[in-house]
């Protein structure tokens, strides 16, 4: 019989494929169900891994729960709930960053990552700035800052530990945020979801599975 971790991984993949189909055909009830199932599955996956009892594991689980909350908020088109979702994802990035900072990390890799990511963050803000209302500018600026810090720490952690799931998951999560930002602030459209959703869920699965290797526990 497959382990619970495999079952939850497969469930997440099946559910996010269903979510993409629901988005394509604008089936709102199915969209809600599949999104809740997919996001609940990556939380359950992290929870079932033995490494979830370590400090690293607890922070990753907390980050994934916050991501789940952000996903729930983004089911609504209301700007107030979008801001709540943004806050939840911001805290998720902070929790991920704290997890990556727990163990050994490569200082040279951290500096190199920041040298690349800080300009990317600045360019992202320039891209979004004219499309942001005053109420969103501060929130998005804080969000981009948190993403840059999280990704840099992820790269430094992966460089030190050899666990590339950490860097891949963090950078993928950040990339999927660009799809959300484009859909919300620049131009809404199904193309944003067609690539953003698979990247997002693949990244969350990678970060959840990183618990096993980062904690030195077989998954």
N, C-alpha and C. Protein backbone atom coordinates (compact mmCIF):
# COMPACT_ATOMS: atom_id res chain seq x y z
N UNK A 1 0.84 -1.20 0.00
CA UNK A 1 0.00 0.00 0.00
C UNK A 1 0.88 1.25 0.00
N UNK A 2 0.57 2.24 -0.86
CA UNK A 2 1.37 3.47 -0.88
C UNK A 2 1.33 4.18 0.47
N UNK A 3 2.43 4.85 0.82
CA UNK A 3 2.46 5.59 2.07
C UNK A 3 1.55 6.81 1.99
N UNK A 4 1.20 7.35 3.16
CA UNK A 4 0.33 8.52 3.21
C UNK A 4 0.95 9.69 2.45
N UNK A 5 2.28 9.83 2.53
CA UNK A 5 2.94 10.95 1.84
C UNK A 5 2.77 10.85 0.33
N UNK A 6 2.85 9.63 -0.20
CA UNK A 6 2.66 9.44 -1.65
C UNK A 6 1.21 9.72 -2.02
N UNK A 7 0.29 9.25 -1.20
CA UNK A 7 -1.14 9.46 -1.47
C UNK A 7 -1.46 10.95 -1.51
N UNK A 8 -0.94 11.70 -0.54
CA UNK A 8 -1.23 13.15 -0.51
C UNK A 8 -0.55 13.88 -1.66
N UNK A 9 0.62 13.41 -2.08
CA UNK A 9 1.29 14.02 -3.24
C UNK A 9 0.46 13.82 -4.50
N UNK A 10 0.02 12.59 -4.71
CA UNK A 10 -0.80 12.28 -5.89
C UNK A 10 -2.11 13.05 -5.83
N UNK A 11 -2.71 13.13 -4.65
CA UNK A 11 -3.97 13.86 -4.50
C UNK A 11 -3.81 15.33 -4.86
N UNK A 12 -2.68 15.92 -4.47
CA UNK A 12 -2.41 17.32 -4.79
C UNK A 12 -2.28 17.51 -6.30
N UNK A 13 -1.54 16.61 -6.94
CA UNK A 13 -1.36 16.71 -8.39
C UNK A 13 -2.69 16.58 -9.12
N UNK A 14 -3.49 15.58 -8.75
CA UNK A 14 -4.79 15.37 -9.40
C UNK A 14 -5.69 16.58 -9.18
N UNK A 15 -5.69 17.11 -7.95
CA UNK A 15 -6.57 18.23 -7.64
C UNK A 15 -6.16 19.50 -8.38
N UNK A 16 -4.84 19.76 -8.49
CA UNK A 16 -4.48 21.00 -9.19
C UNK A 16 -4.69 20.88 -10.70
N UNK A 17 -4.61 19.66 -11.23
CA UNK A 17 -4.98 19.48 -12.64
C UNK A 17 -6.47 19.77 -12.82
N UNK A 18 -7.29 19.28 -11.88
CA UNK A 18 -8.71 19.59 -11.91
C UNK A 18 -8.96 21.07 -11.77
N UNK A 19 -8.15 21.74 -10.94
CA UNK A 19 -8.28 23.19 -10.76
C UNK A 19 -7.99 23.94 -12.06
N UNK A 20 -6.94 23.54 -12.75
CA UNK A 20 -6.61 24.19 -14.03
C UNK A 20 -7.75 24.02 -15.03
N UNK A 21 -8.32 22.82 -15.10
CA UNK A 21 -9.45 22.57 -16.00
C UNK A 21 -10.65 23.44 -15.60
N UNK A 22 -10.91 23.51 -14.30
CA UNK A 22 -12.03 24.33 -13.82
C UNK A 22 -11.82 25.80 -14.15
N UNK A 23 -10.57 26.27 -14.05
CA UNK A 23 -10.26 27.66 -14.41
C UNK A 23 -10.50 27.89 -15.90
N UNK A 24 -10.11 26.92 -16.72
CA UNK A 24 -10.27 27.07 -18.17
C UNK A 24 -11.75 27.20 -18.56
N UNK A 25 -12.59 26.42 -17.89
CA UNK A 25 -14.02 26.42 -18.24
C UNK A 25 -14.86 27.30 -17.31
N UNK A 26 -14.17 28.01 -16.40
CA UNK A 26 -14.84 28.93 -15.47
C UNK A 26 -15.94 28.24 -14.67
N UNK A 27 -15.62 27.07 -14.17
CA UNK A 27 -16.55 26.34 -13.30
C UNK A 27 -16.24 26.73 -11.86
N UNK A 28 -16.92 27.75 -11.35
CA UNK A 28 -16.58 28.27 -10.03
C UNK A 28 -16.70 27.24 -8.90
N UNK A 29 -17.83 26.49 -8.80
CA UNK A 29 -17.90 25.50 -7.70
C UNK A 29 -16.75 24.49 -7.75
N UNK A 30 -16.44 24.01 -8.96
CA UNK A 30 -15.34 23.04 -9.11
C UNK A 30 -14.01 23.70 -8.77
N UNK A 31 -13.85 24.97 -9.13
CA UNK A 31 -12.62 25.71 -8.83
C UNK A 31 -12.40 25.76 -7.32
N UNK A 32 -13.45 26.06 -6.57
CA UNK A 32 -13.34 26.14 -5.11
C UNK A 32 -12.96 24.77 -4.53
N UNK A 33 -13.64 23.73 -4.96
CA UNK A 33 -13.40 22.39 -4.43
C UNK A 33 -11.98 21.92 -4.74
N UNK A 34 -11.56 22.05 -6.00
CA UNK A 34 -10.24 21.55 -6.39
C UNK A 34 -9.12 22.36 -5.73
N UNK A 35 -9.32 23.66 -5.58
CA UNK A 35 -8.27 24.46 -4.94
C UNK A 35 -8.13 24.09 -3.47
N UNK A 36 -9.24 23.92 -2.79
CA UNK A 36 -9.18 23.52 -1.38
C UNK A 36 -8.55 22.14 -1.23
N UNK A 37 -8.89 21.23 -2.13
CA UNK A 37 -8.32 19.88 -2.06
C UNK A 37 -6.81 19.90 -2.32
N UNK A 38 -6.40 20.63 -3.37
CA UNK A 38 -4.98 20.68 -3.72
C UNK A 38 -4.15 21.29 -2.60
N UNK A 39 -4.62 22.40 -2.06
CA UNK A 39 -3.85 23.09 -1.01
C UNK A 39 -3.88 22.32 0.30
N UNK A 40 -5.01 21.69 0.61
CA UNK A 40 -5.07 20.86 1.82
C UNK A 40 -4.13 19.67 1.70
N UNK A 41 -3.97 19.15 0.48
CA UNK A 41 -3.12 17.98 0.28
C UNK A 41 -1.65 18.30 0.55
N UNK A 42 -1.17 19.49 0.14
CA UNK A 42 0.26 19.77 0.41
C UNK A 42 0.50 20.02 1.90
N UNK A 43 -0.52 20.54 2.61
CA UNK A 43 -0.38 20.69 4.06
C UNK A 43 -0.35 19.30 4.72
N UNK A 44 -1.27 18.44 4.31
CA UNK A 44 -1.33 17.09 4.87
C UNK A 44 -0.05 16.31 4.59
N UNK A 45 0.50 16.49 3.38
CA UNK A 45 1.77 15.84 3.04
C UNK A 45 2.85 16.22 4.03
N UNK A 46 3.03 17.52 4.23
CA UNK A 46 4.08 17.99 5.14
C UNK A 46 3.85 17.45 6.55
N UNK A 47 2.59 17.42 6.96
CA UNK A 47 2.25 16.98 8.31
C UNK A 47 2.59 15.50 8.52
N UNK A 48 2.47 14.69 7.47
CA UNK A 48 2.69 13.24 7.61
C UNK A 48 4.16 12.85 7.58
N UNK A 49 5.03 13.73 7.11
CA UNK A 49 6.45 13.38 7.04
C UNK A 49 7.07 13.36 8.43
N UNK A 50 7.87 12.36 8.77
CA UNK A 50 8.46 12.28 10.10
C UNK A 50 9.23 13.53 10.50
N UNK A 51 9.85 14.19 9.54
CA UNK A 51 10.63 15.38 9.83
C UNK A 51 9.81 16.58 10.25
N UNK A 52 8.48 16.46 10.22
CA UNK A 52 7.63 17.60 10.61
C UNK A 52 7.73 17.92 12.09
N UNK A 53 8.33 17.02 12.89
CA UNK A 53 8.45 17.28 14.33
C UNK A 53 9.71 18.08 14.65
N UNK A 54 10.59 18.31 13.66
CA UNK A 54 11.78 19.12 13.89
C UNK A 54 11.42 20.61 13.80
N UNK A 55 12.33 21.46 14.23
CA UNK A 55 12.09 22.91 14.13
C UNK A 55 11.89 23.32 12.67
N UNK A 56 12.73 22.77 11.79
CA UNK A 56 12.58 23.06 10.36
C UNK A 56 11.22 22.61 9.87
N UNK A 57 10.85 21.40 10.22
CA UNK A 57 9.58 20.86 9.77
C UNK A 57 8.39 21.67 10.26
N UNK A 58 8.44 22.09 11.51
CA UNK A 58 7.32 22.88 12.06
C UNK A 58 7.17 24.21 11.32
N UNK A 59 8.28 24.84 11.00
CA UNK A 59 8.20 26.12 10.28
C UNK A 59 7.68 25.92 8.86
N UNK A 60 8.10 24.84 8.21
CA UNK A 60 7.59 24.56 6.86
C UNK A 60 6.09 24.28 6.90
N UNK A 61 5.66 23.48 7.88
CA UNK A 61 4.23 23.21 8.02
C UNK A 61 3.47 24.51 8.26
N UNK A 62 3.99 25.36 9.13
CA UNK A 62 3.33 26.64 9.40
C UNK A 62 3.24 27.48 8.13
N UNK A 63 4.32 27.51 7.36
CA UNK A 63 4.33 28.28 6.10
C UNK A 63 3.29 27.74 5.12
N UNK A 64 3.18 26.42 5.05
CA UNK A 64 2.21 25.82 4.13
C UNK A 64 0.77 26.06 4.59
N UNK A 65 0.55 26.06 5.88
CA UNK A 65 -0.78 26.40 6.41
C UNK A 65 -1.14 27.85 6.05
N UNK A 66 -0.18 28.75 6.18
CA UNK A 66 -0.41 30.15 5.80
C UNK A 66 -0.67 30.27 4.30
N UNK A 67 0.02 29.46 3.51
CA UNK A 67 -0.24 29.45 2.06
C UNK A 67 -1.66 28.95 1.78
N UNK A 68 -2.07 27.94 2.53
CA UNK A 68 -3.45 27.44 2.41
C UNK A 68 -4.45 28.55 2.68
N UNK A 69 -4.18 29.32 3.75
CA UNK A 69 -5.07 30.43 4.09
C UNK A 69 -5.08 31.47 2.98
N UNK A 70 -3.91 31.75 2.42
CA UNK A 70 -3.84 32.69 1.30
C UNK A 70 -4.62 32.20 0.11
N UNK A 71 -4.55 30.91 -0.17
CA UNK A 71 -5.32 30.34 -1.29
C UNK A 71 -6.82 30.50 -1.07
N UNK A 72 -7.26 30.30 0.17
CA UNK A 72 -8.69 30.46 0.48
C UNK A 72 -9.11 31.91 0.24
N UNK A 73 -8.30 32.86 0.69
CA UNK A 73 -8.64 34.28 0.51
C UNK A 73 -8.70 34.65 -0.97
N UNK A 74 -7.80 34.07 -1.77
CA UNK A 74 -7.75 34.42 -3.20
C UNK A 74 -8.87 33.77 -4.01
N UNK A 75 -9.69 32.95 -3.37
CA UNK A 75 -10.86 32.43 -4.07
C UNK A 75 -11.89 33.53 -4.33
N UNK A 76 -11.79 34.61 -3.57
CA UNK A 76 -12.70 35.75 -3.75
C UNK A 76 -12.05 36.81 -4.62
N UNK A 77 -12.86 37.52 -5.37
CA UNK A 77 -12.36 38.62 -6.21
C UNK A 77 -12.33 39.95 -5.47
N UNK A 78 -12.81 39.97 -4.23
CA UNK A 78 -12.85 41.22 -3.46
C UNK A 78 -11.44 41.67 -3.09
N UNK A 79 -11.18 42.98 -3.25
CA UNK A 79 -9.83 43.50 -2.99
C UNK A 79 -9.44 43.36 -1.52
N UNK A 80 -10.43 43.45 -0.62
CA UNK A 80 -10.12 43.33 0.81
C UNK A 80 -9.62 41.92 1.13
N UNK A 81 -10.24 40.91 0.51
CA UNK A 81 -9.79 39.54 0.74
C UNK A 81 -8.47 39.26 0.02
N UNK A 82 -8.25 39.94 -1.12
CA UNK A 82 -6.96 39.79 -1.79
C UNK A 82 -5.85 40.31 -0.88
N UNK A 83 -6.10 41.42 -0.19
CA UNK A 83 -5.11 41.96 0.75
C UNK A 83 -4.87 40.99 1.90
N UNK A 84 -5.93 40.35 2.38
CA UNK A 84 -5.78 39.34 3.44
C UNK A 84 -4.94 38.17 2.93
N UNK A 85 -5.21 37.77 1.68
CA UNK A 85 -4.42 36.70 1.08
C UNK A 85 -2.96 37.09 0.93
N UNK A 86 -2.73 38.34 0.54
CA UNK A 86 -1.37 38.85 0.40
C UNK A 86 -0.65 38.80 1.74
N UNK A 87 -1.36 39.18 2.80
CA UNK A 87 -0.77 39.14 4.14
C UNK A 87 -0.44 37.72 4.56
N UNK A 88 -1.33 36.78 4.24
CA UNK A 88 -1.08 35.38 4.60
C UNK A 88 0.13 34.84 3.85
N UNK A 89 0.24 35.15 2.57
CA UNK A 89 1.38 34.68 1.79
C UNK A 89 2.67 35.38 2.24
N UNK A 90 2.57 36.65 2.63
CA UNK A 90 3.74 37.35 3.16
C UNK A 90 4.28 36.62 4.39
N UNK A 91 3.37 36.27 5.31
CA UNK A 91 3.78 35.54 6.51
C UNK A 91 4.32 34.15 6.16
N UNK A 92 3.75 33.54 5.10
CA UNK A 92 4.26 32.24 4.65
C UNK A 92 5.71 32.37 4.18
N UNK A 93 6.01 33.43 3.42
CA UNK A 93 7.39 33.65 2.96
C UNK A 93 8.32 33.87 4.15
N UNK A 94 7.85 34.60 5.16
CA UNK A 94 8.66 34.84 6.36
C UNK A 94 8.94 33.53 7.08
N UNK A 95 7.91 32.68 7.20
CA UNK A 95 8.09 31.39 7.87
C UNK A 95 9.05 30.50 7.09
N UNK A 96 8.92 30.48 5.76
CA UNK A 96 9.87 29.72 4.94
C UNK A 96 11.28 30.24 5.15
N UNK A 97 11.44 31.57 5.12
CA UNK A 97 12.77 32.17 5.29
C UNK A 97 13.37 31.78 6.64
N UNK A 98 12.55 31.80 7.69
CA UNK A 98 13.03 31.40 9.02
C UNK A 98 13.49 29.95 9.03
N UNK A 99 12.75 29.09 8.32
CA UNK A 99 13.14 27.68 8.24
C UNK A 99 14.48 27.53 7.54
N UNK A 100 14.66 28.25 6.44
CA UNK A 100 15.90 28.14 5.66
C UNK A 100 17.10 28.68 6.45
N UNK A 101 16.84 29.63 7.34
CA UNK A 101 17.93 30.24 8.11
C UNK A 101 18.34 29.40 9.32
N UNK A 102 17.57 28.35 9.63
CA UNK A 102 17.84 27.56 10.83
C UNK A 102 19.16 26.82 10.78
N UNK A 103 19.41 26.16 9.67
CA UNK A 103 20.61 25.33 9.57
C UNK A 103 21.78 26.08 8.98
N UNK A 104 22.77 25.32 8.57
CA UNK A 104 23.94 25.92 7.93
C UNK A 104 23.57 26.51 6.59
N UNK A 105 24.17 27.64 6.26
CA UNK A 105 23.97 28.18 4.92
C UNK A 105 25.27 28.81 4.43
N UNK A 106 25.38 28.87 3.12
CA UNK A 106 26.60 29.33 2.46
C UNK A 106 26.54 30.85 2.32
N UNK A 107 27.40 31.56 3.04
CA UNK A 107 27.38 33.03 3.03
C UNK A 107 27.69 33.57 1.64
N UNK A 108 28.62 32.95 0.94
CA UNK A 108 28.96 33.42 -0.41
C UNK A 108 27.76 33.25 -1.35
N UNK A 109 27.07 32.13 -1.22
CA UNK A 109 25.88 31.91 -2.04
C UNK A 109 24.78 32.91 -1.69
N UNK A 110 24.68 33.27 -0.41
CA UNK A 110 23.69 34.26 0.02
C UNK A 110 23.96 35.61 -0.63
N UNK A 111 25.21 36.04 -0.60
CA UNK A 111 25.58 37.33 -1.20
C UNK A 111 25.35 37.31 -2.71
N UNK A 112 25.73 36.22 -3.35
CA UNK A 112 25.54 36.10 -4.80
C UNK A 112 24.06 36.11 -5.15
N UNK A 113 23.25 35.41 -4.36
CA UNK A 113 21.82 35.37 -4.63
C UNK A 113 21.20 36.75 -4.46
N UNK A 114 21.61 37.46 -3.42
CA UNK A 114 21.08 38.81 -3.21
C UNK A 114 21.49 39.75 -4.35
N UNK A 115 22.70 39.56 -4.87
CA UNK A 115 23.16 40.41 -5.97
C UNK A 115 22.30 40.24 -7.20
N UNK A 116 21.73 39.06 -7.38
CA UNK A 116 20.84 38.80 -8.51
C UNK A 116 19.40 39.17 -8.18
N UNK A 117 18.96 38.78 -6.98
CA UNK A 117 17.54 38.89 -6.65
C UNK A 117 17.09 40.31 -6.30
N UNK A 118 17.97 41.10 -5.71
CA UNK A 118 17.57 42.48 -5.37
C UNK A 118 17.23 43.28 -6.63
N UNK A 119 18.07 43.24 -7.69
CA UNK A 119 17.67 43.93 -8.93
C UNK A 119 16.39 43.37 -9.53
N UNK A 120 16.20 42.06 -9.43
CA UNK A 120 14.95 41.46 -9.95
C UNK A 120 13.76 42.00 -9.17
N UNK A 121 13.91 42.13 -7.86
CA UNK A 121 12.84 42.69 -7.04
C UNK A 121 12.53 44.13 -7.41
N UNK A 122 13.58 44.92 -7.64
CA UNK A 122 13.39 46.32 -8.03
C UNK A 122 12.69 46.40 -9.38
N UNK A 123 13.10 45.58 -10.33
CA UNK A 123 12.46 45.58 -11.65
C UNK A 123 11.00 45.14 -11.55
N UNK A 124 10.72 44.19 -10.67
CA UNK A 124 9.34 43.74 -10.47
C UNK A 124 8.48 44.88 -9.94
N UNK A 125 9.00 45.63 -8.98
CA UNK A 125 8.23 46.76 -8.44
C UNK A 125 8.02 47.83 -9.51
N UNK A 126 9.03 48.08 -10.34
CA UNK A 126 8.86 49.06 -11.43
C UNK A 126 7.79 48.59 -12.42
N UNK A 127 7.77 47.30 -12.68
CA UNK A 127 6.78 46.72 -13.60
C UNK A 127 5.36 46.89 -13.06
N UNK A 128 5.20 46.72 -11.76
CA UNK A 128 3.88 46.76 -11.16
C UNK A 128 3.43 48.16 -10.73
N UNK A 129 4.39 49.05 -10.47
CA UNK A 129 4.12 50.28 -9.74
C UNK A 129 2.95 51.09 -10.29
N UNK A 130 2.95 51.36 -11.58
CA UNK A 130 1.92 52.22 -12.16
C UNK A 130 0.54 51.58 -12.13
N UNK A 131 0.49 50.26 -11.94
CA UNK A 131 -0.80 49.56 -11.90
C UNK A 131 -1.31 49.38 -10.48
N UNK A 132 -0.51 49.77 -9.49
CA UNK A 132 -0.89 49.57 -8.09
C UNK A 132 -1.59 50.81 -7.54
N UNK A 133 -2.69 50.60 -6.85
CA UNK A 133 -3.33 51.70 -6.13
C UNK A 133 -2.49 52.02 -4.90
N UNK A 134 -2.73 53.17 -4.31
CA UNK A 134 -1.95 53.60 -3.14
C UNK A 134 -2.02 52.58 -2.01
N UNK A 135 -3.19 51.98 -1.82
CA UNK A 135 -3.37 51.02 -0.72
C UNK A 135 -2.57 49.74 -0.93
N UNK A 136 -2.19 49.45 -2.17
CA UNK A 136 -1.46 48.22 -2.45
C UNK A 136 0.05 48.42 -2.51
N UNK A 137 0.52 49.65 -2.72
CA UNK A 137 1.95 49.84 -2.97
C UNK A 137 2.81 49.42 -1.79
N UNK A 138 2.44 49.81 -0.61
CA UNK A 138 3.22 49.41 0.58
C UNK A 138 3.19 47.91 0.80
N UNK A 139 2.01 47.32 0.64
CA UNK A 139 1.85 45.88 0.86
C UNK A 139 2.66 45.07 -0.16
N UNK A 140 2.59 45.47 -1.41
CA UNK A 140 3.33 44.74 -2.45
C UNK A 140 4.84 44.94 -2.28
N UNK A 141 5.24 46.14 -1.87
CA UNK A 141 6.66 46.37 -1.61
C UNK A 141 7.20 45.47 -0.50
N UNK A 142 6.43 45.34 0.58
CA UNK A 142 6.83 44.45 1.68
C UNK A 142 6.87 43.01 1.21
N UNK A 143 5.93 42.65 0.36
CA UNK A 143 5.83 41.29 -0.15
C UNK A 143 7.04 40.94 -1.01
N UNK A 144 7.40 41.84 -1.91
CA UNK A 144 8.55 41.60 -2.78
C UNK A 144 9.83 41.50 -1.94
N UNK A 145 9.96 42.34 -0.93
CA UNK A 145 11.13 42.28 -0.04
C UNK A 145 11.23 40.93 0.65
N UNK A 146 10.08 40.43 1.13
CA UNK A 146 10.06 39.12 1.80
C UNK A 146 10.44 38.00 0.84
N UNK A 147 9.96 38.09 -0.40
CA UNK A 147 10.28 37.07 -1.39
C UNK A 147 11.78 37.05 -1.68
N UNK A 148 12.37 38.23 -1.85
CA UNK A 148 13.81 38.31 -2.14
C UNK A 148 14.61 37.68 -1.00
N UNK A 149 14.24 38.02 0.24
CA UNK A 149 14.95 37.47 1.39
C UNK A 149 14.78 35.95 1.46
N UNK A 150 13.56 35.47 1.25
CA UNK A 150 13.30 34.03 1.31
C UNK A 150 14.10 33.28 0.26
N UNK A 151 14.06 33.77 -0.97
CA UNK A 151 14.76 33.08 -2.06
C UNK A 151 16.26 33.08 -1.85
N UNK A 152 16.81 34.19 -1.37
CA UNK A 152 18.25 34.26 -1.13
C UNK A 152 18.66 33.26 -0.04
N UNK A 153 17.88 33.18 1.03
CA UNK A 153 18.18 32.22 2.10
C UNK A 153 18.02 30.79 1.61
N UNK A 154 17.04 30.57 0.72
CA UNK A 154 16.85 29.23 0.17
C UNK A 154 18.06 28.79 -0.65
N UNK A 155 18.56 29.69 -1.48
CA UNK A 155 19.74 29.38 -2.29
C UNK A 155 20.95 29.11 -1.40
N UNK A 156 21.12 29.92 -0.36
CA UNK A 156 22.23 29.74 0.57
C UNK A 156 22.11 28.41 1.32
N UNK A 157 20.89 28.07 1.71
CA UNK A 157 20.66 26.81 2.42
C UNK A 157 20.93 25.61 1.50
N UNK A 158 20.44 25.68 0.27
CA UNK A 158 20.66 24.58 -0.68
C UNK A 158 22.14 24.40 -0.99
N UNK A 159 22.85 25.51 -1.11
CA UNK A 159 24.27 25.45 -1.41
C UNK A 159 25.03 24.74 -0.29
N UNK A 160 24.61 24.98 0.96
CA UNK A 160 25.30 24.38 2.11
C UNK A 160 24.91 22.93 2.31
N UNK A 161 23.63 22.61 2.10
CA UNK A 161 23.14 21.27 2.42
C UNK A 161 23.11 20.31 1.24
N UNK A 162 23.10 20.86 0.02
CA UNK A 162 22.95 20.03 -1.16
C UNK A 162 21.51 19.64 -1.44
N UNK A 163 20.58 20.14 -0.63
CA UNK A 163 19.16 19.84 -0.82
C UNK A 163 18.56 20.87 -1.77
N UNK A 164 18.57 20.57 -3.06
CA UNK A 164 18.13 21.53 -4.06
C UNK A 164 16.62 21.74 -4.07
N UNK A 165 15.87 20.86 -3.39
CA UNK A 165 14.42 21.06 -3.29
C UNK A 165 14.09 22.40 -2.65
N UNK A 166 14.93 22.83 -1.73
CA UNK A 166 14.69 24.09 -1.03
C UNK A 166 14.75 25.27 -2.01
N UNK A 167 15.84 25.37 -2.76
CA UNK A 167 15.99 26.48 -3.72
C UNK A 167 14.96 26.39 -4.83
N UNK A 168 14.74 25.19 -5.36
CA UNK A 168 13.77 25.02 -6.45
C UNK A 168 12.38 25.40 -5.99
N UNK A 169 11.99 24.93 -4.80
CA UNK A 169 10.67 25.25 -4.28
C UNK A 169 10.49 26.74 -4.03
N UNK A 170 11.49 27.37 -3.42
CA UNK A 170 11.38 28.80 -3.11
C UNK A 170 11.34 29.65 -4.37
N UNK A 171 12.22 29.37 -5.32
CA UNK A 171 12.25 30.15 -6.56
C UNK A 171 10.98 29.92 -7.39
N UNK A 172 10.49 28.68 -7.36
CA UNK A 172 9.24 28.40 -8.07
C UNK A 172 8.06 29.12 -7.45
N UNK A 173 8.01 29.14 -6.12
CA UNK A 173 6.95 29.87 -5.41
C UNK A 173 7.00 31.34 -5.81
N UNK A 174 8.19 31.92 -5.83
CA UNK A 174 8.33 33.33 -6.21
C UNK A 174 7.88 33.55 -7.65
N UNK A 175 8.23 32.63 -8.55
CA UNK A 175 7.82 32.76 -9.96
C UNK A 175 6.31 32.71 -10.09
N UNK A 176 5.67 31.83 -9.32
CA UNK A 176 4.21 31.73 -9.40
C UNK A 176 3.53 33.01 -8.91
N UNK A 177 4.20 33.72 -8.01
CA UNK A 177 3.66 35.00 -7.54
C UNK A 177 3.58 36.02 -8.67
N UNK A 178 4.49 35.91 -9.64
CA UNK A 178 4.45 36.83 -10.79
C UNK A 178 3.18 36.61 -11.61
N UNK A 179 2.77 35.34 -11.71
CA UNK A 179 1.53 35.05 -12.45
C UNK A 179 0.32 35.66 -11.74
N UNK A 180 0.32 35.56 -10.40
CA UNK A 180 -0.78 36.14 -9.62
C UNK A 180 -0.77 37.66 -9.76
N UNK A 181 0.42 38.27 -9.67
CA UNK A 181 0.53 39.72 -9.78
C UNK A 181 0.08 40.21 -11.15
N UNK A 182 0.49 39.50 -12.19
CA UNK A 182 0.07 39.90 -13.54
C UNK A 182 -1.44 39.79 -13.70
N UNK A 183 -2.02 38.71 -13.15
CA UNK A 183 -3.45 38.50 -13.27
C UNK A 183 -4.24 39.56 -12.49
N UNK A 184 -3.70 39.95 -11.34
CA UNK A 184 -4.42 40.89 -10.48
C UNK A 184 -4.22 42.34 -10.89
N UNK A 185 -3.00 42.69 -11.32
CA UNK A 185 -2.68 44.11 -11.50
C UNK A 185 -2.41 44.53 -12.96
N UNK A 186 -2.00 43.60 -13.81
CA UNK A 186 -1.62 43.97 -15.17
C UNK A 186 -2.67 43.56 -16.18
N UNK A 187 -2.86 42.27 -16.36
CA UNK A 187 -3.84 41.78 -17.33
C UNK A 187 -4.33 40.40 -16.89
N UNK A 188 -5.59 40.33 -16.53
CA UNK A 188 -6.17 39.05 -16.13
C UNK A 188 -6.34 38.16 -17.36
N UNK A 189 -6.19 36.86 -17.15
CA UNK A 189 -6.36 35.92 -18.26
C UNK A 189 -6.00 34.52 -17.87
N UNK A 190 -6.51 33.57 -18.59
CA UNK A 190 -6.29 32.17 -18.26
C UNK A 190 -4.83 31.76 -18.41
N UNK A 191 -4.07 32.43 -19.28
CA UNK A 191 -2.65 32.08 -19.44
C UNK A 191 -1.87 32.21 -18.14
N UNK A 192 -2.23 33.21 -17.33
CA UNK A 192 -1.57 33.38 -16.04
C UNK A 192 -1.74 32.14 -15.17
N UNK A 193 -2.93 31.56 -15.21
CA UNK A 193 -3.23 30.39 -14.39
C UNK A 193 -2.66 29.11 -14.99
N UNK A 194 -2.61 29.05 -16.33
CA UNK A 194 -2.14 27.83 -16.98
C UNK A 194 -0.69 27.51 -16.63
N UNK A 195 0.13 28.56 -16.43
CA UNK A 195 1.50 28.27 -16.01
C UNK A 195 1.72 28.55 -14.52
N UNK A 196 0.98 29.50 -13.97
CA UNK A 196 1.20 29.86 -12.57
C UNK A 196 0.77 28.78 -11.59
N UNK A 197 -0.38 28.15 -11.83
CA UNK A 197 -0.87 27.13 -10.90
C UNK A 197 0.02 25.89 -10.84
N UNK A 198 0.42 25.32 -11.99
CA UNK A 198 1.33 24.16 -11.91
C UNK A 198 2.65 24.49 -11.21
N UNK A 199 3.21 25.66 -11.49
CA UNK A 199 4.47 26.05 -10.85
C UNK A 199 4.27 26.21 -9.35
N UNK A 200 3.16 26.82 -8.95
CA UNK A 200 2.87 27.04 -7.53
C UNK A 200 2.76 25.71 -6.78
N UNK A 201 1.93 24.81 -7.30
CA UNK A 201 1.72 23.56 -6.57
C UNK A 201 2.94 22.66 -6.61
N UNK A 202 3.67 22.65 -7.71
CA UNK A 202 4.91 21.88 -7.77
C UNK A 202 5.91 22.42 -6.74
N UNK A 203 5.95 23.73 -6.59
CA UNK A 203 6.87 24.35 -5.63
C UNK A 203 6.48 24.03 -4.19
N UNK A 204 5.20 24.08 -3.89
CA UNK A 204 4.75 23.76 -2.53
C UNK A 204 5.02 22.29 -2.20
N UNK A 205 4.84 21.43 -3.18
CA UNK A 205 5.17 20.02 -2.96
C UNK A 205 6.67 19.83 -2.71
N UNK A 206 7.48 20.54 -3.49
CA UNK A 206 8.94 20.44 -3.29
C UNK A 206 9.34 20.91 -1.90
N UNK A 207 8.74 22.01 -1.44
CA UNK A 207 9.06 22.54 -0.11
C UNK A 207 8.56 21.60 0.98
N UNK A 208 7.38 21.02 0.77
CA UNK A 208 6.88 20.05 1.75
C UNK A 208 7.82 18.84 1.83
N UNK A 209 8.22 18.30 0.67
CA UNK A 209 9.10 17.14 0.66
C UNK A 209 10.50 17.46 1.19
N UNK A 210 10.89 18.73 1.16
CA UNK A 210 12.22 19.09 1.66
C UNK A 210 12.35 18.79 3.15
N UNK A 211 11.21 18.66 3.84
CA UNK A 211 11.24 18.34 5.27
C UNK A 211 11.98 17.03 5.50
N UNK A 212 11.70 16.04 4.65
CA UNK A 212 12.31 14.72 4.84
C UNK A 212 13.83 14.76 4.73
N UNK A 213 14.32 15.38 3.65
CA UNK A 213 15.76 15.39 3.43
C UNK A 213 16.47 16.40 4.33
N UNK A 214 15.88 17.58 4.49
CA UNK A 214 16.53 18.62 5.29
C UNK A 214 16.65 18.20 6.75
N UNK A 215 15.70 17.38 7.19
CA UNK A 215 15.73 16.92 8.56
C UNK A 215 16.51 15.62 8.72
N UNK A 216 17.03 15.11 7.59
CA UNK A 216 17.79 13.87 7.66
C UNK A 216 16.91 12.66 7.87
N UNK A 217 15.64 12.75 7.44
CA UNK A 217 14.70 11.65 7.63
C UNK A 217 14.26 11.16 6.27
N UNK A 218 14.23 9.89 6.04
CA UNK A 218 13.76 9.34 4.78
C UNK A 218 12.29 9.57 4.65
N UNK A 219 11.83 9.99 3.42
CA UNK A 219 10.42 10.30 3.22
C UNK A 219 9.60 9.06 3.05
